[in-house]
Amino acid sequence: MIDDVFFLPEASDEQIAREKAKARELRRSQWWKRRRSSGVCHYCGRRFPARELTMDHLVPLIRGGRSVKSNVVPACGECNAKKKYLLPIEWDEYLEKLQAEE
């Protein structure tokens, strides 16, 4: 079941384009506006004005993610830029490595 919700098998350029279009539509939805209005970045937990939060795909589109409510979160620009195309487990490993270096 999880494959049906989050992943596309080997996403093609056409599938990625369709998912990006779905993401644009989702960004205009009341659901997303309410989700973003909390002002909290999913990754770092810091507060930002809602308009400064971006939509990030937990499983990136290029890695087979989909533009569905269960796969998108509000993220600050800094976290979104650092996460890039990492999967959730890879992101957690990255954060653990940073903490170990401190």
C-alpha atoms as a PDB file:
ATOM      1  CA  MET A   1       0.000   0.000   0.000  1.00  0.00           C
ATOM      2  CA  ILE A   2       2.775   2.453   0.813  1.00  0.00           C
ATOM      3  CA  ASP A   3       4.107   2.115  -2.750  1.00  0.00           C
ATOM      4  CA  ASP A   4       0.753   3.290  -4.106  1.00  0.00           C
ATOM      5  CA  VAL A   5       0.775   6.384  -1.896  1.00  0.00           C
ATOM      6  CA  PHE A   6       4.371   7.607  -2.087  1.00  0.00           C
ATOM      7  CA  PHE A   7       6.220   6.068  -5.000  1.00  0.00           C
ATOM      8  CA  LEU A   8       6.115   5.891  -8.764  1.00  0.00           C
ATOM      9  CA  PRO A   9       8.184   3.084 -10.247  1.00  0.00           C
ATOM     10  CA  GLU A  10      11.130   4.710 -12.065  1.00  0.00           C
ATOM     11  CA  ALA A  11       9.600   8.147 -12.586  1.00  0.00           C
ATOM     12  CA  SER A  12       9.933   9.376 -16.155  1.00  0.00           C
ATOM     13  CA  ASP A  13      10.230  13.011 -17.177  1.00  0.00           C
ATOM     14  CA  GLU A  14       6.521  12.960 -18.079  1.00  0.00           C
ATOM     15  CA  GLN A  15       5.538  11.562 -14.677  1.00  0.00           C
ATOM     16  CA  ILE A  16       7.697  14.147 -12.897  1.00  0.00           C
ATOM     17  CA  ALA A  17       6.058  16.921 -14.935  1.00  0.00           C
ATOM     18  CA  ARG A  18       2.590  15.598 -13.973  1.00  0.00           C
ATOM     19  CA  GLU A  19       3.576  15.427 -10.291  1.00  0.00           C
ATOM     20  CA  LYS A  20       4.920  19.005 -10.418  1.00  0.00           C
ATOM     21  CA  ALA A  21       1.590  20.135 -11.873  1.00  0.00           C
ATOM     22  CA  LYS A  22      -0.222  18.328  -9.040  1.00  0.00           C
ATOM     23  CA  ALA A  23       2.079  20.061  -6.541  1.00  0.00           C
ATOM     24  CA  ARG A  24       1.232  23.479  -8.012  1.00  0.00           C
ATOM     25  CA  GLU A  25      -2.459  22.633  -7.656  1.00  0.00           C
ATOM     26  CA  LEU A  26      -1.949  21.382  -4.089  1.00  0.00           C
ATOM     27  CA  ARG A  27      -0.121  24.639  -3.165  1.00  0.00           C
ATOM     28  CA  ARG A  28      -3.257  26.579  -4.117  1.00  0.00           C
ATOM     29  CA  SER A  29      -5.498  24.411  -1.916  1.00  0.00           C
ATOM     30  CA  GLN A  30      -6.952  25.482   1.415  1.00  0.00           C
ATOM     31  CA  TRP A  31      -5.421  22.351   2.921  1.00  0.00           C
ATOM     32  CA  TRP A  32      -1.893  23.526   2.068  1.00  0.00           C
ATOM     33  CA  LYS A  33      -2.579  27.096   3.158  1.00  0.00           C
ATOM     34  CA  ARG A  34      -3.724  25.828   6.562  1.00  0.00           C
ATOM     35  CA  ARG A  35      -0.754  23.439   6.799  1.00  0.00           C
ATOM     36  CA  ARG A  36       1.709  26.223   5.995  1.00  0.00           C
ATOM     37  CA  SER A  37      -0.024  28.725   8.286  1.00  0.00           C
ATOM     38  CA  SER A  38       1.469  27.024  11.340  1.00  0.00           C
ATOM     39  CA  GLY A  39       4.698  28.746  10.309  1.00  0.00           C
ATOM     40  CA  VAL A  40       6.794  25.783  11.488  1.00  0.00           C
ATOM     41  CA  CYS A  41       9.446  24.092   9.359  1.00  0.00           C
ATOM     42  CA  HIS A  42       8.952  20.328   9.372  1.00  0.00           C
ATOM     43  CA  TYR A  43      12.696  19.696   9.573  1.00  0.00           C
ATOM     44  CA  CYS A  44      14.214  22.238  11.967  1.00  0.00           C
ATOM     45  CA  GLY A  45      11.080  23.212  13.902  1.00  0.00           C
ATOM     46  CA  ARG A  46      11.840  26.933  13.670  1.00  0.00           C
ATOM     47  CA  ARG A  47       9.065  29.461  13.078  1.00  0.00           C
ATOM     48  CA  PHE A  48       8.801  31.516   9.892  1.00  0.00           C
ATOM     49  CA  PRO A  49       6.188  33.709   8.243  1.00  0.00           C
ATOM     50  CA  ALA A  50       3.962  31.300   6.301  1.00  0.00           C
ATOM     51  CA  ARG A  51       4.914  32.825   2.951  1.00  0.00           C
ATOM     52  CA  GLU A  52       8.577  31.946   3.610  1.00  0.00           C
ATOM     53  CA  LEU A  53       7.858  28.216   3.905  1.00  0.00           C
ATOM     54  CA  THR A  54       8.159  26.074   0.802  1.00  0.00           C
ATOM     55  CA  MET A  55       6.509  22.787  -0.086  1.00  0.00           C
ATOM     56  CA  ASP A  56       8.951  19.927   0.230  1.00  0.00           C
ATOM     57  CA  HIS A  57       8.345  16.353  -0.870  1.00  0.00           C
ATOM     58  CA  LEU A  58       9.457  13.903   1.825  1.00  0.00           C
ATOM     59  CA  VAL A  59      10.244  11.448  -0.964  1.00  0.00           C
ATOM     60  CA  PRO A  60      11.511  13.709  -3.782  1.00  0.00           C
ATOM     61  CA  LEU A  61       9.807  13.527  -7.168  1.00  0.00           C
ATOM     62  CA  ILE A  62      13.050  12.604  -8.872  1.00  0.00           C
ATOM     63  CA  ARG A  63      13.361   9.636  -6.510  1.00  0.00           C
ATOM     64  CA  GLY A  64       9.817   8.462  -7.260  1.00  0.00           C
ATOM     65  CA  GLY A  65       7.812  10.563  -4.797  1.00  0.00           C
ATOM     66  CA  ARG A  66       4.329  11.806  -5.507  1.00  0.00           C
ATOM     67  CA  SER A  67       2.494  15.060  -4.913  1.00  0.00           C
ATOM     68  CA  VAL A  68       0.020  13.807  -2.326  1.00  0.00           C
ATOM     69  CA  LYS A  69      -0.847  15.254   1.078  1.00  0.00           C
ATOM     70  CA  SER A  70       0.998  12.499   2.917  1.00  0.00           C
ATOM     71  CA  ASN A  71       4.249  13.250   1.043  1.00  0.00           C
ATOM     72  CA  VAL A  72       4.501  17.047   1.319  1.00  0.00           C
ATOM     73  CA  VAL A  73       5.541  19.187   4.277  1.00  0.00           C
ATOM     74  CA  PRO A  74       6.283  22.871   4.888  1.00  0.00           C
ATOM     75  CA  ALA A  75      10.010  23.565   5.002  1.00  0.00           C
ATOM     76  CA  CYS A  76      12.149  26.652   5.393  1.00  0.00           C
ATOM     77  CA  GLY A  77      14.349  27.532   2.438  1.00  0.00           C
ATOM     78  CA  GLU A  78      17.529  26.539   4.262  1.00  0.00           C
ATOM     79  CA  CYS A  79      16.315  23.040   5.174  1.00  0.00           C
ATOM     80  CA  ASN A  80      14.762  22.497   1.750  1.00  0.00           C
ATOM     81  CA  ALA A  81      18.043  23.456   0.059  1.00  0.00           C
ATOM     82  CA  LYS A  82      20.077  21.179   2.341  1.00  0.00           C
ATOM     83  CA  LYS A  83      17.734  18.206   1.960  1.00  0.00           C
ATOM     84  CA  LYS A  84      17.710  18.375  -1.852  1.00  0.00           C
ATOM     85  CA  TYR A  85      16.938  14.854  -3.120  1.00  0.00           C
ATOM     86  CA  LEU A  86      17.515  12.924   0.090  1.00  0.00           C
ATOM     87  CA  LEU A  87      15.037  10.310   1.257  1.00  0.00           C
ATOM     88  CA  PRO A  88      13.772  10.643   4.856  1.00  0.00           C
ATOM     89  CA  ILE A  89      16.213   8.016   6.141  1.00  0.00           C
ATOM     90  CA  GLU A  90      19.117   9.703   4.350  1.00  0.00           C
ATOM     91  CA  TRP A  91      18.104  13.056   5.832  1.00  0.00           C
ATOM     92  CA  ASP A  92      18.015  11.545   9.337  1.00  0.00           C
ATOM     93  CA  GLU A  93      21.485  10.074   8.791  1.00  0.00           C
ATOM     94  CA  TYR A  94      22.724  13.481   7.600  1.00  0.00           C
ATOM     95  CA  LEU A  95      21.367  15.166  10.758  1.00  0.00           C
ATOM     96  CA  GLU A  96      22.904  12.494  12.990  1.00  0.00           C
ATOM     97  CA  LYS A  97      26.275  13.041  11.304  1.00  0.00           C
ATOM     98  CA  LEU A  98      26.038  16.809  11.877  1.00  0.00           C
ATOM     99  CA  GLN A  99      25.206  16.291  15.557  1.00  0.00           C
ATOM    100  CA  ALA A 100      28.128  13.894  15.975  1.00  0.00           C
ATOM    101  CA  GLU A 101      30.496  16.495  14.508  1.00  0.00           C
ATOM    102  CA  GLU A 102      29.381  19.163  17.019  1.00  0.00           C
END
